[in-house]
Amino acid sequence: MKFWLIFILIFFAVRYLLPIVLRLALSGFVRKQMRNGGFVVPPQARPASGPTSRPGEVRVDYVPPTASHANHSHGFKGGEYVDFEEVK
């Protein structure tokens, strides 16, 4: 009987009291972070040197080097091909 009484008390405490306590604690934490500026995203740093682009233009930071064509055979048009059947 003592076990069931303790079990019921713990169940109700976890079911009804714990969500209220967590809501109060987390809302206080979120308020504190908002006051301290904890959720502010810092502005992106722009490099001082380099050309500036006008609005509407695309600026490319990095272009990977192209593969040399000496490694490929002249008749090669693509990769491996796999035949498959469509299942309905």
Protein backbone atom coordinates (compact mmCIF):
# COMPACT_ATOMS: atom_id res chain seq x y z
CA MET A 1 0.00 0.00 0.00
CA LYS A 2 2.85 2.36 0.86
CA PHE A 3 4.47 1.71 -2.55
CA TRP A 4 1.29 2.65 -4.44
CA LEU A 5 0.80 5.82 -2.43
CA ILE A 6 4.37 6.94 -3.18
CA PHE A 7 3.97 5.93 -6.82
CA ILE A 8 0.75 7.96 -7.20
CA LEU A 9 2.29 11.02 -5.51
CA ILE A 10 5.37 10.88 -7.75
CA PHE A 11 3.20 10.36 -10.84
CA PHE A 12 1.05 13.42 -10.09
CA ALA A 13 4.11 15.51 -9.24
CA VAL A 14 5.76 14.62 -12.55
CA ARG A 15 2.52 14.95 -14.54
CA TYR A 16 1.23 18.25 -13.13
CA LEU A 17 3.94 20.07 -11.14
CA LEU A 18 7.05 19.43 -13.26
CA PRO A 19 5.67 21.10 -16.45
CA ILE A 20 4.75 24.22 -14.45
CA VAL A 21 8.17 24.41 -12.81
CA LEU A 22 9.97 23.88 -16.13
CA ARG A 23 7.82 26.51 -17.87
CA LEU A 24 8.64 29.08 -15.18
CA ALA A 25 12.37 28.26 -15.19
CA LEU A 26 12.73 28.25 -18.98
CA SER A 27 10.71 31.42 -19.48
CA GLY A 28 12.99 33.18 -16.98
CA PHE A 29 16.05 31.89 -18.83
CA VAL A 30 14.72 33.03 -22.21
CA ARG A 31 13.88 36.49 -20.83
CA LYS A 32 17.39 36.80 -19.39
CA GLN A 33 18.97 35.77 -22.71
CA MET A 34 16.85 38.26 -24.63
CA ARG A 35 17.81 41.04 -22.23
CA ASN A 36 21.51 40.20 -22.53
CA GLY A 37 21.34 39.88 -26.30
CA GLY A 38 22.09 36.17 -26.22
CA PHE A 39 19.99 35.34 -29.27
CA VAL A 40 21.27 38.13 -31.51
CA VAL A 41 23.00 36.93 -34.66
CA PRO A 42 26.22 38.90 -35.20
CA PRO A 43 26.50 40.68 -38.55
CA GLN A 44 28.66 39.04 -41.18
CA ALA A 45 32.12 40.56 -41.44
CA ARG A 46 32.95 41.76 -44.95
CA PRO A 47 36.54 41.73 -46.16
CA ALA A 48 37.99 45.24 -46.35
CA SER A 49 39.91 44.57 -49.54
CA GLY A 50 38.46 43.35 -52.79
CA PRO A 51 35.99 44.63 -55.31
CA THR A 52 32.58 45.66 -54.10
CA SER A 53 29.61 44.49 -56.10
CA ARG A 54 26.61 46.53 -57.02
CA PRO A 55 23.14 45.39 -55.94
CA GLY A 56 21.84 42.60 -58.15
CA GLU A 57 25.28 41.25 -59.11
CA VAL A 58 26.57 37.86 -58.12
CA ARG A 59 29.92 37.59 -56.35
CA VAL A 60 31.73 34.24 -56.41
CA ASP A 61 34.14 33.57 -53.54
CA TYR A 62 35.71 30.35 -54.78
CA VAL A 63 35.80 28.52 -58.10
CA PRO A 64 37.23 24.99 -57.92
CA PRO A 65 39.95 24.19 -60.42
CA THR A 66 38.82 22.38 -63.54
CA ALA A 67 39.99 18.81 -64.07
CA SER A 68 42.60 18.35 -66.73
CA HIS A 69 41.32 16.66 -69.87
CA ALA A 70 44.54 14.66 -70.30
CA ASN A 71 43.38 12.10 -67.72
CA HIS A 72 40.18 11.23 -69.62
CA SER A 73 39.99 9.16 -72.74
CA HIS A 74 38.75 11.03 -75.82
CA GLY A 75 35.66 8.86 -76.37
CA PHE A 76 34.47 8.95 -72.76
CA LYS A 77 31.08 10.71 -72.53
CA GLY A 78 29.94 9.94 -68.99
CA GLY A 79 30.07 7.63 -65.99
CA GLU A 80 28.82 4.12 -65.32
CA TYR A 81 25.33 3.34 -66.51
CA VAL A 82 23.01 0.96 -64.68
CA ASP A 83 20.07 -0.71 -66.39
CA PHE A 84 16.93 -1.01 -64.32
CA GLU A 85 13.38 -2.15 -64.73
CA GLU A 86 10.45 -0.06 -63.64
CA VAL A 87 8.28 -1.99 -61.18
CA LYS A 88 4.58 -1.18 -61.18
